[in-house]
Amino acid sequence: MIISTTFDVHGRTVAQHLGLVRGNVVRSRFIGRDIVAGLRMIVGGEIHEYTKLLAESREQALDRMVQHAQSLGADAVIGVRFETTDAGQGQATEVLAYGTAVKLA
């Protein structure tokens, strides 16, 4: 599956637009991770625990978007974007991946 943030695929022609595809995941924070992250916030610097959590969430959302595109018979997803939103009064974060599923010529 070709994934592109642009609205075309170099060297290929979009033959058919199949529509919007998306994948999302909502992850809650973990108290143990929050304690370590809280200590890092005092000291400063990157909060590795949250970096890892969000990276895993993005990959899972992307995988779900690809599965959605495959179910439509797509060859590629173009115009891919990510969005994040706080959910559950700040106790969880939603990561959404979305784009346009297409058939290529």
PDB file of N, CA and C in Angstrom:
ATOM      1  N   MET A   1       0.858  -1.181   0.000  1.00  0.00           N
ATOM      2  CA  MET A   1       0.000   0.000   0.000  1.00  0.00           C
ATOM      3  C   MET A   1       0.898   1.236   0.000  1.00  0.00           C
ATOM      4  N   ILE A   2       0.665   2.113  -0.945  1.00  0.00           N
ATOM      5  CA  ILE A   2       1.405   3.367  -1.026  1.00  0.00           C
ATOM      6  C   ILE A   2       0.688   4.397  -0.151  1.00  0.00           C
ATOM      7  N   ILE A   3       1.450   5.054   0.713  1.00  0.00           N
ATOM      8  CA  ILE A   3       0.928   6.095   1.590  1.00  0.00           C
ATOM      9  C   ILE A   3       1.653   7.392   1.236  1.00  0.00           C
ATOM     10  N   SER A   4       0.887   8.451   0.976  1.00  0.00           N
ATOM     11  CA  SER A   4       1.503   9.712   0.570  1.00  0.00           C
ATOM     12  C   SER A   4       0.826  10.891   1.262  1.00  0.00           C
ATOM     13  N   THR A   5       1.633  11.832   1.700  1.00  0.00           N
ATOM     14  CA  THR A   5       1.076  13.059   2.268  1.00  0.00           C
ATOM     15  C   THR A   5       0.707  14.048   1.168  1.00  0.00           C
ATOM     16  N   THR A   6       1.183  13.803  -0.044  1.00  0.00           N
ATOM     17  CA  THR A   6       0.820  14.649  -1.178  1.00  0.00           C
ATOM     18  C   THR A   6      -0.460  14.105  -1.812  1.00  0.00           C
ATOM     19  N   PHE A   7      -0.986  14.822  -2.796  1.00  0.00           N
ATOM     20  CA  PHE A   7      -2.232  14.405  -3.420  1.00  0.00           C
ATOM     21  C   PHE A   7      -2.012  13.704  -4.753  1.00  0.00           C
ATOM     22  N   ASP A   8      -0.799  13.190  -4.936  1.00  0.00           N
ATOM     23  CA  ASP A   8      -0.506  12.366  -6.106  1.00  0.00           C
ATOM     24  C   ASP A   8       0.568  11.355  -5.728  1.00  0.00           C
ATOM     25  N   VAL A   9       0.821  10.437  -6.640  1.00  0.00           N
ATOM     26  CA  VAL A   9       1.886   9.449  -6.457  1.00  0.00           C
ATOM     27  C   VAL A   9       2.812   9.609  -7.650  1.00  0.00           C
ATOM     28  N   HIS A  10       4.042   9.986  -7.401  1.00  0.00           N
ATOM     29  CA  HIS A  10       5.002  10.260  -8.473  1.00  0.00           C
ATOM     30  C   HIS A  10       5.066   9.089  -9.455  1.00  0.00           C
ATOM     31  N   GLY A  11       4.884   9.417 -10.734  1.00  0.00           N
ATOM     32  CA  GLY A  11       4.979   8.412 -11.780  1.00  0.00           C
ATOM     33  C   GLY A  11       3.722   7.582 -11.985  1.00  0.00           C
ATOM     34  N   ARG A  12       2.689   7.836 -11.211  1.00  0.00           N
ATOM     35  CA  ARG A  12       1.433   7.083 -11.330  1.00  0.00           C
ATOM     36  C   ARG A  12       0.276   8.055 -11.499  1.00  0.00           C
ATOM     37  N   THR A  13      -0.797   7.570 -12.067  1.00  0.00           N
ATOM     38  CA  THR A  13      -1.996   8.376 -12.270  1.00  0.00           C
ATOM     39  C   THR A  13      -3.112   7.848 -11.389  1.00  0.00           C
ATOM     40  N   VAL A  14      -3.822   8.762 -10.737  1.00  0.00           N
ATOM     41  CA  VAL A  14      -4.981   8.363  -9.941  1.00  0.00           C
ATOM     42  C   VAL A  14      -6.121   8.070 -10.911  1.00  0.00           C
ATOM     43  N   ALA A  15      -6.580   6.812 -10.920  1.00  0.00           N
ATOM     44  CA  ALA A  15      -7.642   6.395 -11.827  1.00  0.00           C
ATOM     45  C   ALA A  15      -9.021   6.556 -11.200  1.00  0.00           C
ATOM     46  N   GLN A  16      -9.088   6.387  -9.871  1.00  0.00           N
ATOM     47  CA  GLN A  16     -10.395   6.448  -9.197  1.00  0.00           C
ATOM     48  C   GLN A  16     -10.201   6.839  -7.742  1.00  0.00           C
ATOM     49  N   HIS A  17     -11.036   7.760  -7.275  1.00  0.00           N
ATOM     50  CA  HIS A  17     -11.069   8.126  -5.861  1.00  0.00           C
ATOM     51  C   HIS A  17     -12.108   7.243  -5.175  1.00  0.00           C
ATOM     52  N   LEU A  18     -11.714   6.576  -4.103  1.00  0.00           N
ATOM     53  CA  LEU A  18     -12.621   5.670  -3.402  1.00  0.00           C
ATOM     54  C   LEU A  18     -13.222   6.294  -2.149  1.00  0.00           C
ATOM     55  N   GLY A  19     -12.694   7.441  -1.752  1.00  0.00           N
ATOM     56  CA  GLY A  19     -13.259   8.151  -0.611  1.00  0.00           C
ATOM     57  C   GLY A  19     -12.340   8.226   0.589  1.00  0.00           C
ATOM     58  N   LEU A  20     -12.882   8.864   1.607  1.00  0.00           N
ATOM     59  CA  LEU A  20     -12.158   9.080   2.859  1.00  0.00           C
ATOM     60  C   LEU A  20     -11.933   7.763   3.593  1.00  0.00           C
ATOM     61  N   VAL A  21     -10.712   7.576   4.073  1.00  0.00           N
ATOM     62  CA  VAL A  21     -10.405   6.446   4.948  1.00  0.00           C
ATOM     63  C   VAL A  21      -9.752   6.990   6.207  1.00  0.00           C
ATOM     64  N   ARG A  22      -9.966   6.284   7.300  1.00  0.00           N
ATOM     65  CA  ARG A  22      -9.425   6.771   8.570  1.00  0.00           C
ATOM     66  C   ARG A  22      -9.125   5.599   9.491  1.00  0.00           C
ATOM     67  N   GLY A  23      -8.288   5.901  10.441  1.00  0.00           N
ATOM     68  CA  GLY A  23      -7.983   4.960  11.505  1.00  0.00           C
ATOM     69  C   GLY A  23      -7.711   5.770  12.747  1.00  0.00           C
ATOM     70  N   ASN A  24      -8.261   5.332  13.854  1.00  0.00           N
ATOM     71  CA  ASN A  24      -8.002   6.085  15.084  1.00  0.00           C
ATOM     72  C   ASN A  24      -7.759   5.134  16.237  1.00  0.00           C
ATOM     73  N   VAL A  25      -7.131   5.685  17.261  1.00  0.00           N
ATOM     74  CA  VAL A  25      -6.865   4.951  18.492  1.00  0.00           C
ATOM     75  C   VAL A  25      -6.952   5.954  19.636  1.00  0.00           C
ATOM     76  N   VAL A  26      -7.509   5.512  20.734  1.00  0.00           N
ATOM     77  CA  VAL A  26      -7.568   6.334  21.942  1.00  0.00           C
ATOM     78  C   VAL A  26      -6.769   5.608  23.007  1.00  0.00           C
ATOM     79  N   ARG A  27      -5.778   6.279  23.533  1.00  0.00           N
ATOM     80  CA  ARG A  27      -4.909   5.690  24.550  1.00  0.00           C
ATOM     81  C   ARG A  27      -5.027   6.485  25.837  1.00  0.00           C
ATOM     82  N   SER A  28      -5.104   5.766  26.940  1.00  0.00           N
ATOM     83  CA  SER A  28      -5.123   6.449  28.236  1.00  0.00           C
ATOM     84  C   SER A  28      -3.714   6.476  28.804  1.00  0.00           C
ATOM     85  N   ARG A  29      -3.527   7.367  29.724  1.00  0.00           N
ATOM     86  CA  ARG A  29      -2.231   7.463  30.389  1.00  0.00           C
ATOM     87  C   ARG A  29      -2.143   6.374  31.441  1.00  0.00           C
ATOM     88  N   PHE A  30      -0.934   6.019  31.807  1.00  0.00           N
ATOM     89  CA  PHE A  30      -0.667   4.974  32.788  1.00  0.00           C
ATOM     90  C   PHE A  30       0.035   5.621  33.975  1.00  0.00           C
ATOM     91  N   ILE A  31      -0.473   5.365  35.160  1.00  0.00           N
ATOM     92  CA  ILE A  31       0.015   6.051  36.366  1.00  0.00           C
ATOM     93  C   ILE A  31       1.526   5.913  36.559  1.00  0.00           C
ATOM     94  N   GLY A  32       2.067   4.731  36.298  1.00  0.00           N
ATOM     95  CA  GLY A  32       3.515   4.543  36.448  1.00  0.00           C
ATOM     96  C   GLY A  32       4.299   5.409  35.490  1.00  0.00           C
ATOM     97  N   ARG A  33       3.827   5.459  34.261  1.00  0.00           N
ATOM     98  CA  ARG A  33       4.473   6.289  33.243  1.00  0.00           C
ATOM     99  C   ARG A  33       4.332   7.757  33.610  1.00  0.00           C
ATOM    100  N   ASP A  34       3.168   8.142  34.155  1.00  0.00           N
ATOM    101  CA  ASP A  34       2.934   9.541  34.535  1.00  0.00           C
ATOM    102  C   ASP A  34       3.857   9.994  35.652  1.00  0.00           C
ATOM    103  N   ILE A  35       4.160   9.115  36.585  1.00  0.00           N
ATOM    104  CA  ILE A  35       5.066   9.476  37.685  1.00  0.00           C
ATOM    105  C   ILE A  35       6.454   9.781  37.137  1.00  0.00           C
ATOM    106  N   VAL A  36       6.954   8.885  36.278  1.00  0.00           N
ATOM    107  CA  VAL A  36       8.281   9.100  35.683  1.00  0.00           C
ATOM    108  C   VAL A  36       8.275  10.357  34.818  1.00  0.00           C
ATOM    109  N   ALA A  37       7.211  10.538  34.025  1.00  0.00           N
ATOM    110  CA  ALA A  37       7.111  11.725  33.169  1.00  0.00           C
ATOM    111  C   ALA A  37       7.041  12.993  34.009  1.00  0.00           C
ATOM    112  N   GLY A  38       6.318  12.947  35.112  1.00  0.00           N
ATOM    113  CA  GLY A  38       6.232  14.105  36.000  1.00  0.00           C
ATOM    114  C   GLY A  38       7.588  14.495  36.545  1.00  0.00           C
ATOM    115  N   LEU A  39       8.393  13.501  36.899  1.00  0.00           N
ATOM    116  CA  LEU A  39       9.750  13.787  37.378  1.00  0.00           C
ATOM    117  C   LEU A  39      10.590  14.418  36.275  1.00  0.00           C
ATOM    118  N   ARG A  40      10.429  13.929  35.043  1.00  0.00           N
ATOM    119  CA  ARG A  40      11.181  14.507  33.918  1.00  0.00           C
ATOM    120  C   ARG A  40      10.765  15.962  33.665  1.00  0.00           C
ATOM    121  N   MET A  41       9.479  16.269  33.866  1.00  0.00           N
ATOM    122  CA  MET A  41       9.007  17.635  33.653  1.00  0.00           C
ATOM    123  C   MET A  41       9.681  18.598  34.622  1.00  0.00           C
ATOM    124  N   ILE A  42       9.973  18.137  35.822  1.00  0.00           N
ATOM    125  CA  ILE A  42      10.653  18.973  36.808  1.00  0.00           C
ATOM    126  C   ILE A  42      12.075  19.269  36.352  1.00  0.00           C
ATOM    127  N   VAL A  43      12.745  18.235  35.847  1.00  0.00           N
ATOM    128  CA  VAL A  43      14.143  18.356  35.425  1.00  0.00           C
ATOM    129  C   VAL A  43      14.249  19.032  34.062  1.00  0.00           C
ATOM    130  N   GLY A  44      13.276  18.772  33.185  1.00  0.00           N
ATOM    131  CA  GLY A  44      13.311  19.327  31.834  1.00  0.00           C
ATOM    132  C   GLY A  44      13.799  18.305  30.836  1.00  0.00           C
ATOM    133  N   GLY A  45      13.595  18.584  29.574  1.00  0.00           N
ATOM    134  CA  GLY A  45      14.038  17.694  28.517  1.00  0.00           C
ATOM    135  C   GLY A  45      12.886  16.888  27.940  1.00  0.00           C
ATOM    136  N   GLU A  46      13.235  15.994  27.040  1.00  0.00           N
ATOM    137  CA  GLU A  46      12.231  15.167  26.366  1.00  0.00           C
ATOM    138  C   GLU A  46      11.607  14.181  27.343  1.00  0.00           C
ATOM    139  N   ILE A  47      10.315  13.991  27.203  1.00  0.00           N
ATOM    140  CA  ILE A  47       9.596  13.018  28.028  1.00  0.00           C
ATOM    141  C   ILE A  47       9.446  11.751  27.187  1.00  0.00           C
ATOM    142  N   HIS A  48      10.435  10.871  27.304  1.00  0.00           N
ATOM    143  CA  HIS A  48      10.522   9.671  26.458  1.00  0.00           C
ATOM    144  C   HIS A  48       9.283   8.787  26.575  1.00  0.00           C
ATOM    145  N   GLU A  49       8.704   8.720  27.750  1.00  0.00           N
ATOM    146  CA  GLU A  49       7.535   7.860  27.963  1.00  0.00           C
ATOM    147  C   GLU A  49       6.366   8.302  27.079  1.00  0.00           C
ATOM    148  N   TYR A  50       6.138   9.609  26.979  1.00  0.00           N
ATOM    149  CA  TYR A  50       5.049  10.125  26.159  1.00  0.00           C
ATOM    150  C   TYR A  50       5.410  10.080  24.670  1.00  0.00           C
ATOM    151  N   THR A  51       6.668  10.296  24.351  1.00  0.00           N
ATOM    152  CA  THR A  51       7.116  10.202  22.968  1.00  0.00           C
ATOM    153  C   THR A  51       6.836   8.804  22.427  1.00  0.00           C
ATOM    154  N   LYS A  52       7.177   7.800  23.220  1.00  0.00           N
ATOM    155  CA  LYS A  52       6.956   6.404  22.815  1.00  0.00           C
ATOM    156  C   LYS A  52       5.460   6.108  22.694  1.00  0.00           C
ATOM    157  N   LEU A  53       4.674   6.562  23.652  1.00  0.00           N
ATOM    158  CA  LEU A  53       3.230   6.330  23.638  1.00  0.00           C
ATOM    159  C   LEU A  53       2.587   6.922  22.389  1.00  0.00           C
ATOM    160  N   LEU A  54       2.944   8.156  22.053  1.00  0.00           N
ATOM    161  CA  LEU A  54       2.355   8.807  20.880  1.00  0.00           C
ATOM    162  C   LEU A  54       2.853   8.189  19.574  1.00  0.00           C
ATOM    163  N   ALA A  55       4.110   7.762  19.524  1.00  0.00           N
ATOM    164  CA  ALA A  55       4.630   7.106  18.327  1.00  0.00           C
ATOM    165  C   ALA A  55       3.888   5.791  18.077  1.00  0.00           C
ATOM    166  N   GLU A  56       3.669   5.017  19.132  1.00  0.00           N
ATOM    167  CA  GLU A  56       2.922   3.762  19.006  1.00  0.00           C
ATOM    168  C   GLU A  56       1.486   4.038  18.572  1.00  0.00           C
ATOM    169  N   SER A  57       0.892   5.078  19.103  1.00  0.00           N
ATOM    170  CA  SER A  57      -0.487   5.434  18.760  1.00  0.00           C
ATOM    171  C   SER A  57      -0.598   5.845  17.295  1.00  0.00           C
ATOM    172  N   ARG A  58       0.375   6.621  16.807  1.00  0.00           N
ATOM    173  CA  ARG A  58       0.365   7.028  15.397  1.00  0.00           C
ATOM    174  C   ARG A  58       0.469   5.809  14.484  1.00  0.00           C
ATOM    175  N   GLU A  59       1.358   4.880  14.818  1.00  0.00           N
ATOM    176  CA  GLU A  59       1.520   3.673  13.996  1.00  0.00           C
ATOM    177  C   GLU A  59       0.240   2.843  13.977  1.00  0.00           C
ATOM    178  N   GLN A  60      -0.409   2.704  15.122  1.00  0.00           N
ATOM    179  CA  GLN A  60      -1.639   1.931  15.192  1.00  0.00           C
ATOM    180  C   GLN A  60      -2.751   2.614  14.391  1.00  0.00           C
ATOM    181  N   ALA A  61      -2.869   3.925  14.495  1.00  0.00           N
ATOM    182  CA  ALA A  61      -3.876   4.659  13.718  1.00  0.00           C
ATOM    183  C   ALA A  61      -3.605   4.521  12.224  1.00  0.00           C
ATOM    184  N   LEU A  62      -2.334   4.605  11.829  1.00  0.00           N
ATOM    185  CA  LEU A  62      -1.956   4.448  10.426  1.00  0.00           C
ATOM    186  C   LEU A  62      -2.297   3.047   9.933  1.00  0.00           C
ATOM    187  N   ASP A  63      -1.993   2.032  10.726  1.00  0.00           N
ATOM    188  CA  ASP A  63      -2.320   0.647  10.356  1.00  0.00           C
ATOM    189  C   ASP A  63      -3.819   0.472  10.158  1.00  0.00           C
ATOM    190  N   ARG A  64      -4.614   1.072  11.029  1.00  0.00           N
ATOM    191  CA  ARG A  64      -6.076   0.965  10.912  1.00  0.00           C
ATOM    192  C   ARG A  64      -6.586   1.696   9.674  1.00  0.00           C
ATOM    193  N   MET A  65      -5.958   2.827   9.327  1.00  0.00           N
ATOM    194  CA  MET A  65      -6.336   3.547   8.123  1.00  0.00           C
ATOM    195  C   MET A  65      -6.039   2.692   6.889  1.00  0.00           C
ATOM    196  N   VAL A  66      -4.880   2.051   6.869  1.00  0.00           N
ATOM    197  CA  VAL A  66      -4.499   1.184   5.750  1.00  0.00           C
ATOM    198  C   VAL A  66      -5.487   0.015   5.630  1.00  0.00           C
ATOM    199  N   GLN A  67      -5.870  -0.572   6.746  1.00  0.00           N
ATOM    200  CA  GLN A  67      -6.849  -1.661   6.712  1.00  0.00           C
ATOM    201  C   GLN A  67      -8.166  -1.179   6.105  1.00  0.00           C
ATOM    202  N   HIS A  68      -8.595   0.020   6.474  1.00  0.00           N
ATOM    203  CA  HIS A  68      -9.823   0.593   5.915  1.00  0.00           C
ATOM    204  C   HIS A  68      -9.675   0.749   4.401  1.00  0.00           C
ATOM    205  N   ALA A  69      -8.526   1.267   3.950  1.00  0.00           N
ATOM    206  CA  ALA A  69      -8.283   1.463   2.519  1.00  0.00           C
ATOM    207  C   ALA A  69      -8.262   0.120   1.780  1.00  0.00           C
ATOM    208  N   GLN A  70      -7.638  -0.881   2.380  1.00  0.00           N
ATOM    209  CA  GLN A  70      -7.586  -2.200   1.752  1.00  0.00           C
ATOM    210  C   GLN A  70      -8.980  -2.799   1.607  1.00  0.00           C
ATOM    211  N   SER A  71      -9.841  -2.547   2.588  1.00  0.00           N
ATOM    212  CA  SER A  71     -11.206  -3.078   2.513  1.00  0.00           C
ATOM    213  C   SER A  71     -11.987  -2.468   1.354  1.00  0.00           C
ATOM    214  N   LEU A  72     -11.557  -1.303   0.871  1.00  0.00           N
ATOM    215  CA  LEU A  72     -12.187  -0.650  -0.273  1.00  0.00           C
ATOM    216  C   LEU A  72     -11.512  -1.025  -1.590  1.00  0.00           C
ATOM    217  N   GLY A  73     -10.412  -1.786  -1.508  1.00  0.00           N
ATOM    218  CA  GLY A  73      -9.684  -2.178  -2.709  1.00  0.00           C
ATOM    219  C   GLY A  73      -8.702  -1.139  -3.209  1.00  0.00           C
ATOM    220  N   ALA A  74      -8.251  -0.265  -2.348  1.00  0.00           N
ATOM    221  CA  ALA A  74      -7.355   0.832  -2.737  1.00  0.00           C
ATOM    222  C   ALA A  74      -5.935   0.328  -2.998  1.00  0.00           C
ATOM    223  N   ASP A  75      -5.255   1.058  -3.893  1.00  0.00           N
ATOM    224  CA  ASP A  75      -3.824   0.824  -4.152  1.00  0.00           C
ATOM    225  C   ASP A  75      -2.962   1.778  -3.336  1.00  0.00           C
ATOM    226  N   ALA A  76      -3.570   2.912  -2.951  1.00  0.00           N
ATOM    227  CA  ALA A  76      -2.816   3.948  -2.247  1.00  0.00           C
ATOM    228  C   ALA A  76      -3.760   4.804  -1.422  1.00  0.00           C
ATOM    229  N   VAL A  77      -3.164   5.531  -0.476  1.00  0.00           N
ATOM    230  CA  VAL A  77      -3.888   6.559   0.276  1.00  0.00           C
ATOM    231  C   VAL A  77      -3.085   7.840   0.101  1.00  0.00           C
ATOM    232  N   ILE A  78      -3.759   8.875  -0.400  1.00  0.00           N
ATOM    233  CA  ILE A  78      -3.086  10.149  -0.651  1.00  0.00           C
ATOM    234  C   ILE A  78      -3.622  11.213   0.301  1.00  0.00           C
ATOM    235  N   GLY A  79      -2.855  12.281   0.449  1.00  0.00           N
ATOM    236  CA  GLY A  79      -3.270  13.383   1.312  1.00  0.00           C
ATOM    237  C   GLY A  79      -3.367  12.977   2.773  1.00  0.00           C
ATOM    238  N   VAL A  80      -2.487  12.098   3.210  1.00  0.00           N
ATOM    239  CA  VAL A  80      -2.550  11.561   4.575  1.00  0.00           C
ATOM    240  C   VAL A  80      -2.173  12.631   5.594  1.00  0.00           C
ATOM    241  N   ARG A  81      -2.962  12.696   6.648  1.00  0.00           N
ATOM    242  CA  ARG A  81      -2.742  13.635   7.746  1.00  0.00           C
ATOM    243  C   ARG A  81      -2.972  12.926   9.073  1.00  0.00           C
ATOM    244  N   PHE A  82      -2.424  13.504  10.127  1.00  0.00           N
ATOM    245  CA  PHE A  82      -2.646  13.042  11.495  1.00  0.00           C
ATOM    246  C   PHE A  82      -3.256  14.168  12.300  1.00  0.00           C
ATOM    247  N   GLU A  83      -4.078  13.804  13.255  1.00  0.00           N
ATOM    248  CA  GLU A  83      -4.662  14.772  14.167  1.00  0.00           C
ATOM    249  C   GLU A  83      -4.708  14.140  15.556  1.00  0.00           C
ATOM    250  N   THR A  84      -4.500  14.950  16.570  1.00  0.00           N
ATOM    251  CA  THR A  84      -4.613  14.454  17.941  1.00  0.00           C
ATOM    252  C   THR A  84      -5.605  15.317  18.704  1.00  0.00           C
ATOM    253  N   THR A  85      -6.285  14.665  19.642  1.00  0.00           N
ATOM    254  CA  THR A  85      -7.286  15.344  20.449  1.00  0.00           C
ATOM    255  C   THR A  85      -7.250  14.768  21.850  1.00  0.00           C
ATOM    256  N   ASP A  86      -7.374  15.629  22.852  1.00  0.00           N
ATOM    257  CA  ASP A  86      -7.542  15.138  24.216  1.00  0.00           C
ATOM    258  C   ASP A  86      -8.933  14.554  24.351  1.00  0.00           C
ATOM    259  N   ALA A  87      -9.013  13.440  25.044  1.00  0.00           N
ATOM    260  CA  ALA A  87     -10.300  12.785  25.278  1.00  0.00           C
ATOM    261  C   ALA A  87     -10.386  12.409  26.749  1.00  0.00           C
ATOM    262  N   GLY A  88     -11.569  12.260  27.249  1.00  0.00           N
ATOM    263  CA  GLY A  88     -11.731  11.821  28.633  1.00  0.00           C
ATOM    264  C   GLY A  88     -11.183  12.806  29.641  1.00  0.00           C
ATOM    265  N   GLN A  89     -11.465  14.082  29.443  1.00  0.00           N
ATOM    266  CA  GLN A  89     -11.033  15.134  30.358  1.00  0.00           C
ATOM    267  C   GLN A  89      -9.519  15.133  30.579  1.00  0.00           C
ATOM    268  N   GLY A  90      -8.791  14.941  29.478  1.00  0.00           N
ATOM    269  CA  GLY A  90      -7.336  14.990  29.549  1.00  0.00           C
ATOM    270  C   GLY A  90      -6.681  13.709  30.031  1.00  0.00           C
ATOM    271  N   GLN A  91      -7.465  12.679  30.285  1.00  0.00           N
ATOM    272  CA  GLN A  91      -6.913  11.410  30.768  1.00  0.00           C
ATOM    273  C   GLN A  91      -6.551  10.465  29.627  1.00  0.00           C
ATOM    274  N   ALA A  92      -6.929  10.828  28.406  1.00  0.00           N
ATOM    275  CA  ALA A  92      -6.646   9.999  27.241  1.00  0.00           C
ATOM    276  C   ALA A  92      -6.399  10.909  26.042  1.00  0.00           C
ATOM    277  N   THR A  93      -5.776  10.343  25.021  1.00  0.00           N
ATOM    278  CA  THR A  93      -5.499  11.071  23.798  1.00  0.00           C
ATOM    279  C   THR A  93      -5.950  10.240  22.613  1.00  0.00           C
ATOM    280  N   GLU A  94      -6.665  10.884  21.685  1.00  0.00           N
ATOM    281  CA  GLU A  94      -7.045  10.219  20.441  1.00  0.00           C
ATOM    282  C   GLU A  94      -6.057  10.631  19.361  1.00  0.00           C
ATOM    283  N   VAL A  95      -5.595   9.662  18.591  1.00  0.00           N
ATOM    284  CA  VAL A  95      -4.769   9.924  17.423  1.00  0.00           C
ATOM    285  C   VAL A  95      -5.553   9.423  16.216  1.00  0.00           C
ATOM    286  N   LEU A  96      -5.745  10.299  15.237  1.00  0.00           N
ATOM    287  CA  LEU A  96      -6.510   9.993  14.042  1.00  0.00           C
ATOM    288  C   LEU A  96      -5.604  10.136  12.825  1.00  0.00           C
ATOM    289  N   ALA A  97      -5.595   9.114  11.970  1.00  0.00           N
ATOM    290  CA  ALA A  97      -4.913   9.185  10.676  1.00  0.00           C
ATOM    291  C   ALA A  97      -6.004   9.138   9.612  1.00  0.00           C
ATOM    292  N   TYR A  98      -5.912  10.023   8.610  1.00  0.00           N
ATOM    293  CA  TYR A  98      -6.931  10.019   7.567  1.00  0.00           C
ATOM    294  C   TYR A  98      -6.340  10.445   6.239  1.00  0.00           C
ATOM    295  N   GLY A  99      -7.005  10.048   5.164  1.00  0.00           N
ATOM    296  CA  GLY A  99      -6.586  10.402   3.825  1.00  0.00           C
ATOM    297  C   GLY A  99      -7.627   9.955   2.825  1.00  0.00           C
ATOM    298  N   THR A 100      -7.270  10.013   1.550  1.00  0.00           N
ATOM    299  CA  THR A 100      -8.174   9.621   0.473  1.00  0.00           C
ATOM    300  C   THR A 100      -7.662   8.329  -0.152  1.00  0.00           C
ATOM    301  N   ALA A 101      -8.524   7.310  -0.143  1.00  0.00           N
ATOM    302  CA  ALA A 101      -8.176   6.032  -0.772  1.00  0.00           C
ATOM    303  C   ALA A 101      -8.368   6.164  -2.277  1.00  0.00           C
ATOM    304  N   VAL A 102      -7.401   5.647  -3.045  1.00  0.00           N
ATOM    305  CA  VAL A 102      -7.465   5.742  -4.513  1.00  0.00           C
ATOM    306  C   VAL A 102      -7.023   4.445  -5.168  1.00  0.00           C
ATOM    307  N   LYS A 103      -7.483   4.283  -6.408  1.00  0.00           N
ATOM    308  CA  LYS A 103      -6.990   3.244  -7.307  1.00  0.00           C
ATOM    309  C   LYS A 103      -6.034   3.924  -8.266  1.00  0.00           C
ATOM    310  N   LEU A 104      -4.911   3.309  -8.520  1.00  0.00           N
ATOM    311  CA  LEU A 104      -3.923   3.877  -9.435  1.00  0.00           C
ATOM    312  C   LEU A 104      -3.971   3.185 -10.789  1.00  0.00           C
ATOM    313  N   ALA A 105      -3.647   3.971 -11.828  1.00  0.00           N
ATOM    314  CA  ALA A 105      -3.594   3.401 -13.190  1.00  0.00           C
ATOM    315  C   ALA A 105      -2.224   2.810 -13.420  1.00  0.00           C
TER     316      ALA A 105
END
